[in-house]
Amino acid sequence: MFDADGDPGNGFQKVTFNGSLDIGSVPPFTVSRVAGNGLSLLNPTGNLAIGTLNAANSGGNGLRVEMPVGTDFNLSVAGGTIDTDGGDFAGVAISTDSTSSLCLNLTGMSVAGSGSANDIQLDQSGSSTLGITQALLTDLSNDNGGASVGTTGTVSFGCAIP
C-alpha cells in the first residue's frame, strides 16, 4: 500500500519519491542488468509518484504492474530510462483484471523492450479500468521517446491522478 500517512481511513495520500530510483545501471553509465523484472508492483493500492526510474534488466519487464483484484492504484513516473533485454519482454508491462482500477502517468521516459515485444504493453481484462493520462496512445508513445505501444482490452484516456 502506498499511503503517505499510513491510514487508509483518511483516503490515500500520494507517496512521492523525487529522487532517482536506479535498478541496475543505464547509460551514460556502463549498462549493468539485474536478472528478471526490474521493478515489480504486484497488487498495489494507493498513489505512488516516482521522479526518475532507471532500470536495466534481462529476462523480464523493466517495470511490471499487476492488479488482479479489486484495488485502486495511481502511478506517475516523470522520467528515466527502462532498458529491457533477453527474450520477448516489454519494457513496461501493465495488467488489470477483475474490478481493479489503475491510472498511469508515464512521461519523459526512454523505454526499450526486447525481442518482438512492444516497448509498452497495456493489458485490461474483466471489468477492470486501465487508464492513461494522455489523450491518445500516440501521445503516450511520443511522451516516451517514440516507444511502441501495444494494448489488449479497453484503455481509457485522460484519467487524472490526484
N, C-alpha and C. Protein backbone atom coordinates (compact mmCIF):
# COMPACT_ATOMS: atom_id res chain seq x y z
N MET A 1 0.84 -1.16 0.00
CA MET A 1 0.00 0.00 0.00
C MET A 1 0.89 1.23 0.00
N PHE A 2 0.54 2.21 -0.86
CA PHE A 2 1.26 3.46 -0.92
C PHE A 2 0.33 4.55 -0.39
N ASP A 3 0.57 4.97 0.86
CA ASP A 3 -0.27 5.97 1.52
C ASP A 3 0.64 6.79 2.43
N ALA A 4 0.74 8.08 2.17
CA ALA A 4 1.69 8.93 2.89
C ALA A 4 1.47 8.95 4.39
N ASP A 5 0.21 8.88 4.87
CA ASP A 5 0.02 8.94 6.32
C ASP A 5 -0.22 7.56 6.94
N GLY A 6 -0.29 6.52 6.12
CA GLY A 6 -0.41 5.16 6.66
C GLY A 6 -1.79 4.77 7.13
N ASP A 7 -2.78 5.66 7.01
CA ASP A 7 -4.13 5.36 7.47
C ASP A 7 -5.10 5.43 6.29
N PRO A 8 -5.44 4.27 5.69
CA PRO A 8 -6.34 4.29 4.54
C PRO A 8 -7.71 4.87 4.87
N GLY A 9 -8.06 4.94 6.16
CA GLY A 9 -9.33 5.54 6.55
C GLY A 9 -9.38 7.03 6.22
N ASN A 10 -8.23 7.67 6.08
CA ASN A 10 -8.15 9.08 5.72
C ASN A 10 -8.08 9.28 4.21
N GLY A 11 -8.24 8.22 3.44
CA GLY A 11 -8.01 8.28 2.00
C GLY A 11 -6.53 8.06 1.73
N PHE A 12 -6.19 7.90 0.49
CA PHE A 12 -4.79 7.66 0.13
C PHE A 12 -4.11 8.97 -0.23
N GLN A 13 -3.08 9.33 0.53
CA GLN A 13 -2.26 10.48 0.20
C GLN A 13 -1.07 9.97 -0.62
N LYS A 14 -0.75 10.69 -1.67
CA LYS A 14 0.30 10.26 -2.59
C LYS A 14 1.65 10.14 -1.88
N VAL A 15 2.33 9.03 -2.11
CA VAL A 15 3.71 8.85 -1.69
C VAL A 15 4.57 9.33 -2.85
N THR A 16 5.44 10.29 -2.59
CA THR A 16 6.26 10.87 -3.64
C THR A 16 7.73 10.57 -3.38
N PHE A 17 8.39 10.04 -4.39
CA PHE A 17 9.82 9.77 -4.35
C PHE A 17 10.44 10.64 -5.43
N ASN A 18 11.00 11.79 -5.04
CA ASN A 18 11.50 12.75 -6.01
C ASN A 18 12.88 12.42 -6.55
N GLY A 19 13.58 11.52 -5.91
CA GLY A 19 14.92 11.19 -6.34
C GLY A 19 14.93 10.25 -7.53
N SER A 20 16.07 9.63 -7.73
CA SER A 20 16.24 8.68 -8.82
C SER A 20 16.25 7.27 -8.24
N LEU A 21 15.33 6.44 -8.71
CA LEU A 21 15.27 5.04 -8.32
C LEU A 21 16.02 4.26 -9.39
N ASP A 22 17.19 3.75 -9.06
CA ASP A 22 18.06 3.06 -10.01
C ASP A 22 18.09 1.57 -9.73
N ILE A 23 17.75 0.78 -10.76
CA ILE A 23 17.78 -0.68 -10.67
C ILE A 23 18.69 -1.13 -11.79
N GLY A 24 19.84 -1.69 -11.44
CA GLY A 24 20.88 -1.90 -12.44
C GLY A 24 21.44 -0.52 -12.79
N SER A 25 22.09 -0.41 -13.94
CA SER A 25 22.57 0.90 -14.38
C SER A 25 22.37 1.03 -15.88
N VAL A 26 22.00 2.26 -16.28
CA VAL A 26 21.70 2.58 -17.67
C VAL A 26 22.66 3.66 -18.15
N PRO A 27 22.77 3.85 -19.48
CA PRO A 27 23.63 4.93 -19.98
C PRO A 27 23.24 6.26 -19.35
N PRO A 28 24.17 7.15 -19.06
CA PRO A 28 25.52 7.19 -19.61
C PRO A 28 26.52 6.28 -18.89
N PHE A 29 26.07 5.56 -17.88
CA PHE A 29 26.96 4.64 -17.18
C PHE A 29 27.04 3.33 -17.96
N THR A 30 28.02 2.49 -17.62
CA THR A 30 28.10 1.17 -18.23
C THR A 30 26.85 0.39 -17.85
N VAL A 31 26.20 -0.20 -18.85
CA VAL A 31 24.96 -0.93 -18.59
C VAL A 31 25.26 -2.17 -17.75
N SER A 32 24.55 -2.26 -16.65
CA SER A 32 24.63 -3.41 -15.75
C SER A 32 23.20 -3.84 -15.46
N ARG A 33 22.86 -5.07 -15.85
CA ARG A 33 21.47 -5.52 -15.78
C ARG A 33 21.21 -6.42 -14.58
N VAL A 34 20.02 -6.27 -14.00
CA VAL A 34 19.55 -7.22 -12.99
C VAL A 34 18.82 -8.32 -13.74
N ALA A 35 18.77 -9.52 -13.16
CA ALA A 35 18.07 -10.64 -13.79
C ALA A 35 16.60 -10.59 -13.44
N GLY A 36 15.74 -10.90 -14.41
CA GLY A 36 14.30 -10.90 -14.18
C GLY A 36 13.72 -9.51 -14.31
N ASN A 37 12.61 -9.26 -13.63
CA ASN A 37 11.96 -7.94 -13.68
C ASN A 37 12.80 -6.90 -12.95
N GLY A 38 12.74 -5.66 -13.46
CA GLY A 38 13.42 -4.57 -12.77
C GLY A 38 12.65 -4.14 -11.53
N LEU A 39 11.47 -3.55 -11.71
CA LEU A 39 10.60 -3.13 -10.61
C LEU A 39 9.24 -3.78 -10.81
N SER A 40 8.82 -4.60 -9.86
CA SER A 40 7.51 -5.25 -9.92
C SER A 40 6.61 -4.70 -8.82
N LEU A 41 5.42 -4.29 -9.19
CA LEU A 41 4.41 -3.84 -8.24
C LEU A 41 3.23 -4.79 -8.41
N LEU A 42 3.07 -5.70 -7.45
CA LEU A 42 2.05 -6.73 -7.54
C LEU A 42 0.92 -6.43 -6.58
N ASN A 43 -0.26 -6.18 -7.11
CA ASN A 43 -1.45 -5.87 -6.33
C ASN A 43 -1.28 -4.62 -5.46
N PRO A 44 -0.75 -3.53 -6.05
CA PRO A 44 -0.55 -2.31 -5.26
C PRO A 44 -1.86 -1.55 -5.05
N THR A 45 -1.89 -0.71 -4.02
CA THR A 45 -3.01 0.20 -3.79
C THR A 45 -2.45 1.57 -3.44
N GLY A 46 -3.24 2.61 -3.65
CA GLY A 46 -2.84 3.95 -3.26
C GLY A 46 -2.29 4.75 -4.41
N ASN A 47 -1.42 5.72 -4.10
CA ASN A 47 -0.84 6.65 -5.06
C ASN A 47 0.67 6.66 -4.91
N LEU A 48 1.39 6.45 -6.01
CA LEU A 48 2.86 6.47 -5.98
C LEU A 48 3.36 7.35 -7.11
N ALA A 49 4.23 8.31 -6.77
CA ALA A 49 4.87 9.17 -7.77
C ALA A 49 6.38 8.97 -7.65
N ILE A 50 7.02 8.63 -8.77
CA ILE A 50 8.47 8.43 -8.82
C ILE A 50 9.04 9.50 -9.73
N GLY A 51 10.03 10.24 -9.24
CA GLY A 51 10.65 11.29 -10.04
C GLY A 51 11.35 10.72 -11.25
N THR A 52 12.34 9.86 -11.04
CA THR A 52 13.10 9.25 -12.12
C THR A 52 13.24 7.77 -11.84
N LEU A 53 12.88 6.94 -12.81
CA LEU A 53 13.05 5.50 -12.70
C LEU A 53 14.00 5.05 -13.80
N ASN A 54 15.13 4.50 -13.38
CA ASN A 54 16.10 3.93 -14.31
C ASN A 54 16.20 2.45 -14.01
N ALA A 55 15.93 1.61 -15.02
CA ALA A 55 16.00 0.16 -14.82
C ALA A 55 16.64 -0.49 -16.03
N ALA A 56 17.66 -1.30 -15.78
CA ALA A 56 18.28 -2.12 -16.82
C ALA A 56 18.15 -3.56 -16.34
N ASN A 57 17.48 -4.38 -17.15
CA ASN A 57 17.23 -5.76 -16.73
C ASN A 57 17.28 -6.71 -17.91
N SER A 58 17.34 -7.99 -17.59
CA SER A 58 17.36 -9.03 -18.61
C SER A 58 16.44 -10.17 -18.19
N GLY A 59 15.61 -10.64 -19.13
CA GLY A 59 14.76 -11.79 -18.84
C GLY A 59 13.50 -11.46 -18.08
N GLY A 60 12.98 -10.27 -18.22
CA GLY A 60 11.74 -9.84 -17.55
C GLY A 60 11.38 -8.45 -18.02
N ASN A 61 10.40 -7.86 -17.39
CA ASN A 61 9.98 -6.50 -17.71
C ASN A 61 10.75 -5.50 -16.87
N GLY A 62 11.05 -4.34 -17.43
CA GLY A 62 11.71 -3.29 -16.66
C GLY A 62 10.82 -2.75 -15.56
N LEU A 63 9.56 -2.52 -15.88
CA LEU A 63 8.54 -2.11 -14.91
C LEU A 63 7.32 -2.98 -15.16
N ARG A 64 6.88 -3.68 -14.13
CA ARG A 64 5.71 -4.55 -14.24
C ARG A 64 4.73 -4.20 -13.13
N VAL A 65 3.47 -3.94 -13.52
CA VAL A 65 2.41 -3.67 -12.56
C VAL A 65 1.29 -4.67 -12.85
N GLU A 66 0.94 -5.47 -11.83
CA GLU A 66 -0.15 -6.44 -11.96
C GLU A 66 -1.21 -6.14 -10.91
N MET A 67 -2.44 -5.99 -11.37
CA MET A 67 -3.56 -5.68 -10.47
C MET A 67 -4.66 -6.71 -10.67
N PRO A 68 -4.56 -7.86 -10.01
CA PRO A 68 -5.52 -8.94 -10.26
C PRO A 68 -6.81 -8.87 -9.45
N VAL A 69 -6.89 -8.03 -8.44
CA VAL A 69 -8.08 -7.98 -7.59
C VAL A 69 -8.63 -6.56 -7.52
N GLY A 70 -9.74 -6.36 -6.86
CA GLY A 70 -10.44 -5.08 -6.82
C GLY A 70 -9.74 -4.00 -6.03
N THR A 71 -8.62 -3.51 -6.49
CA THR A 71 -7.90 -2.44 -5.82
C THR A 71 -7.75 -1.24 -6.76
N ASP A 72 -7.45 -0.08 -6.19
CA ASP A 72 -7.23 1.14 -6.96
C ASP A 72 -5.80 1.59 -6.77
N PHE A 73 -5.16 2.03 -7.87
CA PHE A 73 -3.76 2.45 -7.81
C PHE A 73 -3.52 3.53 -8.85
N ASN A 74 -2.76 4.55 -8.45
CA ASN A 74 -2.31 5.59 -9.36
C ASN A 74 -0.79 5.58 -9.36
N LEU A 75 -0.19 5.56 -10.55
CA LEU A 75 1.27 5.53 -10.67
C LEU A 75 1.72 6.62 -11.64
N SER A 76 2.64 7.49 -11.16
CA SER A 76 3.26 8.51 -12.00
C SER A 76 4.76 8.29 -12.01
N VAL A 77 5.34 8.31 -13.20
CA VAL A 77 6.80 8.28 -13.35
C VAL A 77 7.15 9.42 -14.28
N ALA A 78 7.94 10.38 -13.77
CA ALA A 78 8.20 11.62 -14.51
C ALA A 78 9.33 11.52 -15.52
N GLY A 79 10.18 10.52 -15.42
CA GLY A 79 11.28 10.42 -16.36
C GLY A 79 12.17 9.24 -16.04
N GLY A 80 13.17 9.04 -16.88
CA GLY A 80 14.12 7.97 -16.68
C GLY A 80 14.27 7.10 -17.91
N THR A 81 14.93 5.96 -17.71
CA THR A 81 15.22 5.02 -18.79
C THR A 81 14.88 3.62 -18.34
N ILE A 82 14.17 2.90 -19.20
CA ILE A 82 13.95 1.47 -18.98
C ILE A 82 14.53 0.75 -20.18
N ASP A 83 15.50 -0.12 -19.92
CA ASP A 83 16.23 -0.85 -20.97
C ASP A 83 16.14 -2.33 -20.65
N THR A 84 15.26 -3.03 -21.39
CA THR A 84 14.99 -4.45 -21.15
C THR A 84 15.63 -5.27 -22.26
N ASP A 85 16.25 -6.39 -21.88
CA ASP A 85 16.95 -7.25 -22.83
C ASP A 85 16.68 -8.71 -22.47
N GLY A 86 16.92 -9.61 -23.40
CA GLY A 86 16.85 -11.04 -23.11
C GLY A 86 15.47 -11.62 -23.20
N GLY A 87 15.01 -11.99 -24.41
CA GLY A 87 13.69 -12.59 -24.58
C GLY A 87 12.70 -11.59 -25.14
N ASP A 88 11.44 -11.97 -25.18
CA ASP A 88 10.38 -11.09 -25.68
C ASP A 88 9.62 -10.48 -24.51
N PHE A 89 10.17 -9.42 -23.95
CA PHE A 89 9.57 -8.75 -22.80
C PHE A 89 9.40 -7.28 -23.09
N ALA A 90 8.23 -6.75 -22.73
CA ALA A 90 8.01 -5.31 -22.84
C ALA A 90 8.84 -4.60 -21.79
N GLY A 91 9.31 -3.39 -22.11
CA GLY A 91 10.00 -2.60 -21.10
C GLY A 91 9.06 -2.27 -19.95
N VAL A 92 7.83 -1.88 -20.29
CA VAL A 92 6.78 -1.59 -19.30
C VAL A 92 5.60 -2.51 -19.60
N ALA A 93 5.18 -3.31 -18.61
CA ALA A 93 4.03 -4.20 -18.77
C ALA A 93 3.03 -3.91 -17.66
N ILE A 94 1.81 -3.53 -18.04
CA ILE A 94 0.77 -3.16 -17.09
C ILE A 94 -0.44 -4.07 -17.34
N SER A 95 -0.97 -4.69 -16.28
CA SER A 95 -2.17 -5.51 -16.47
C SER A 95 -3.15 -5.29 -15.32
N THR A 96 -4.43 -5.18 -15.70
CA THR A 96 -5.51 -5.06 -14.72
C THR A 96 -6.52 -6.17 -14.99
N ASP A 97 -7.17 -6.63 -13.93
CA ASP A 97 -8.18 -7.68 -14.06
C ASP A 97 -9.20 -7.50 -12.95
N SER A 98 -10.26 -8.27 -13.02
CA SER A 98 -11.31 -8.24 -12.01
C SER A 98 -11.91 -6.85 -11.95
N THR A 99 -12.02 -6.26 -10.78
CA THR A 99 -12.60 -4.92 -10.63
C THR A 99 -11.55 -3.88 -10.25
N SER A 100 -10.28 -4.14 -10.56
CA SER A 100 -9.22 -3.19 -10.20
C SER A 100 -9.27 -1.96 -11.11
N SER A 101 -8.62 -0.88 -10.65
CA SER A 101 -8.59 0.36 -11.38
C SER A 101 -7.18 0.96 -11.29
N LEU A 102 -6.62 1.35 -12.43
CA LEU A 102 -5.27 1.91 -12.48
C LEU A 102 -5.27 3.14 -13.37
N CYS A 103 -4.67 4.23 -12.88
CA CYS A 103 -4.40 5.40 -13.70
C CYS A 103 -2.88 5.52 -13.80
N LEU A 104 -2.37 5.57 -15.03
CA LEU A 104 -0.93 5.54 -15.29
C LEU A 104 -0.49 6.83 -15.96
N ASN A 105 0.55 7.46 -15.41
CA ASN A 105 1.13 8.66 -15.99
C ASN A 105 2.61 8.41 -16.22
N LEU A 106 2.97 8.11 -17.45
CA LEU A 106 4.37 7.95 -17.84
C LEU A 106 4.69 9.06 -18.82
N THR A 107 5.66 9.90 -18.49
CA THR A 107 6.07 10.96 -19.40
C THR A 107 7.58 11.15 -19.29
N GLY A 108 8.19 11.46 -20.40
CA GLY A 108 9.61 11.81 -20.40
C GLY A 108 10.55 10.65 -20.18
N MET A 109 10.12 9.44 -20.52
CA MET A 109 10.98 8.27 -20.34
C MET A 109 11.53 7.81 -21.68
N SER A 110 12.59 7.05 -21.61
CA SER A 110 13.08 6.30 -22.75
C SER A 110 12.82 4.85 -22.41
N VAL A 111 11.98 4.16 -23.20
CA VAL A 111 11.57 2.79 -22.89
C VAL A 111 11.93 1.89 -24.06
N ALA A 112 12.66 0.81 -23.78
CA ALA A 112 13.01 -0.14 -24.83
C ALA A 112 12.70 -1.55 -24.35
N GLY A 113 11.84 -2.24 -25.09
CA GLY A 113 11.55 -3.65 -24.84
C GLY A 113 12.59 -4.51 -25.55
N SER A 114 12.40 -5.81 -25.51
CA SER A 114 13.36 -6.69 -26.17
C SER A 114 12.64 -7.68 -27.08
N GLY A 115 13.38 -8.20 -28.03
CA GLY A 115 12.81 -9.16 -28.96
C GLY A 115 11.69 -8.53 -29.76
N SER A 116 10.59 -9.25 -29.94
CA SER A 116 9.46 -8.75 -30.73
C SER A 116 8.43 -8.04 -29.87
N ALA A 117 8.68 -7.90 -28.59
CA ALA A 117 7.72 -7.27 -27.68
C ALA A 117 7.61 -5.77 -27.94
N ASN A 118 6.44 -5.20 -27.62
CA ASN A 118 6.28 -3.75 -27.64
C ASN A 118 7.10 -3.16 -26.50
N ASP A 119 7.47 -1.90 -26.64
CA ASP A 119 8.18 -1.22 -25.55
C ASP A 119 7.26 -1.07 -24.34
N ILE A 120 5.99 -0.72 -24.58
CA ILE A 120 4.99 -0.58 -23.52
C ILE A 120 3.80 -1.46 -23.88
N GLN A 121 3.39 -2.33 -22.95
CA GLN A 121 2.24 -3.21 -23.17
C GLN A 121 1.20 -2.95 -22.10
N LEU A 122 -0.04 -2.62 -22.52
CA LEU A 122 -1.14 -2.33 -21.60
C LEU A 122 -2.22 -3.40 -21.80
N ASP A 123 -2.52 -4.18 -20.77
CA ASP A 123 -3.50 -5.26 -20.87
C ASP A 123 -4.61 -5.07 -19.84
N GLN A 124 -5.84 -4.89 -20.34
CA GLN A 124 -7.01 -4.73 -19.49
C GLN A 124 -7.93 -5.92 -19.73
N SER A 125 -8.49 -6.49 -18.65
CA SER A 125 -9.47 -7.56 -18.80
C SER A 125 -10.50 -7.49 -17.69
N GLY A 126 -11.55 -8.28 -17.84
CA GLY A 126 -12.63 -8.27 -16.86
C GLY A 126 -13.32 -6.93 -16.82
N SER A 127 -13.82 -6.56 -15.66
CA SER A 127 -14.50 -5.27 -15.52
C SER A 127 -13.54 -4.22 -14.95
N SER A 128 -12.25 -4.45 -15.07
CA SER A 128 -11.25 -3.51 -14.55
C SER A 128 -11.18 -2.26 -15.41
N THR A 129 -10.52 -1.24 -14.87
CA THR A 129 -10.28 0.01 -15.58
C THR A 129 -8.78 0.24 -15.67
N LEU A 130 -8.29 0.45 -16.88
CA LEU A 130 -6.89 0.78 -17.12
C LEU A 130 -6.87 2.09 -17.88
N GLY A 131 -6.37 3.15 -17.24
CA GLY A 131 -6.37 4.47 -17.85
C GLY A 131 -4.98 5.05 -17.93
N ILE A 132 -4.77 5.90 -18.93
CA ILE A 132 -3.54 6.66 -19.05
C ILE A 132 -3.91 8.15 -19.05
N THR A 133 -2.99 8.99 -18.60
CA THR A 133 -3.28 10.42 -18.51
C THR A 133 -3.29 11.08 -19.88
N GLN A 134 -2.65 10.48 -20.86
CA GLN A 134 -2.61 11.05 -22.19
C GLN A 134 -3.97 10.89 -22.88
N ALA A 135 -4.21 11.72 -23.91
CA ALA A 135 -5.49 11.69 -24.63
C ALA A 135 -5.51 10.60 -25.71
N LEU A 136 -4.34 10.15 -26.16
CA LEU A 136 -4.24 9.16 -27.24
C LEU A 136 -3.04 8.24 -26.99
N LEU A 137 -3.08 7.05 -27.58
CA LEU A 137 -1.91 6.15 -27.48
C LEU A 137 -0.69 6.77 -28.16
N THR A 138 -0.89 7.52 -29.25
CA THR A 138 0.25 8.16 -29.89
C THR A 138 0.90 9.19 -28.97
N ASP A 139 0.09 9.84 -28.11
CA ASP A 139 0.66 10.77 -27.14
C ASP A 139 1.53 10.02 -26.14
N LEU A 140 1.08 8.84 -25.69
CA LEU A 140 1.88 8.03 -24.77
C LEU A 140 3.20 7.66 -25.43
N SER A 141 3.16 7.27 -26.70
CA SER A 141 4.37 6.94 -27.44
C SER A 141 5.29 8.16 -27.54
N ASN A 142 4.74 9.28 -27.99
CA ASN A 142 5.54 10.49 -28.18
C ASN A 142 6.12 11.01 -26.87
N ASP A 143 5.37 10.90 -25.78
CA ASP A 143 5.84 11.36 -24.48
C ASP A 143 6.96 10.50 -23.92
N ASN A 144 7.19 9.35 -24.53
CA ASN A 144 8.19 8.41 -24.02
C ASN A 144 9.16 7.99 -25.13
N GLY A 145 9.66 8.97 -25.84
CA GLY A 145 10.73 8.74 -26.81
C GLY A 145 10.35 7.89 -28.00
N GLY A 146 9.06 7.89 -28.40
CA GLY A 146 8.65 7.10 -29.55
C GLY A 146 8.49 5.62 -29.26
N ALA A 147 8.26 5.28 -28.01
CA ALA A 147 8.10 3.87 -27.61
C ALA A 147 6.92 3.24 -28.35
N SER A 148 7.09 1.97 -28.77
CA SER A 148 5.96 1.26 -29.37
C SER A 148 5.00 0.85 -28.25
N VAL A 149 3.68 0.95 -28.52
CA VAL A 149 2.67 0.67 -27.51
C VAL A 149 1.70 -0.38 -28.04
N GLY A 150 1.48 -1.44 -27.26
CA GLY A 150 0.51 -2.46 -27.61
C GLY A 150 -0.55 -2.53 -26.53
N THR A 151 -1.79 -2.90 -26.93
CA THR A 151 -2.87 -2.98 -25.96
C THR A 151 -3.73 -4.23 -26.20
N THR A 152 -4.34 -4.71 -25.15
CA THR A 152 -5.44 -5.66 -25.24
C THR A 152 -6.53 -5.12 -24.33
N GLY A 153 -7.78 -5.40 -24.68
CA GLY A 153 -8.89 -4.88 -23.88
C GLY A 153 -9.12 -3.41 -24.16
N THR A 154 -9.69 -2.72 -23.21
CA THR A 154 -10.07 -1.31 -23.36
C THR A 154 -9.19 -0.43 -22.48
N VAL A 155 -8.56 0.56 -23.10
CA VAL A 155 -7.75 1.53 -22.38
C VAL A 155 -8.49 2.86 -22.39
N SER A 156 -8.65 3.45 -21.20
CA SER A 156 -9.30 4.76 -21.07
C SER A 156 -8.26 5.86 -21.19
N PHE A 157 -8.68 7.00 -21.69
CA PHE A 157 -7.75 8.11 -21.91
C PHE A 157 -8.13 9.31 -21.05
N GLY A 158 -7.11 10.06 -20.62
CA GLY A 158 -7.33 11.29 -19.88
C GLY A 158 -7.67 11.10 -18.40
N CYS A 159 -7.25 9.98 -17.80
CA CYS A 159 -7.51 9.82 -16.37
C CYS A 159 -6.70 10.86 -15.60
N ALA A 160 -7.15 11.19 -14.41
CA ALA A 160 -6.48 12.21 -13.59
C ALA A 160 -5.95 11.58 -12.32
N ILE A 161 -4.75 11.97 -11.96
CA ILE A 161 -4.14 11.48 -10.72
C ILE A 161 -4.20 12.62 -9.70
N PRO A 162 -4.80 12.33 -8.54
CA PRO A 162 -4.91 13.41 -7.54
C PRO A 162 -3.57 13.85 -7.00
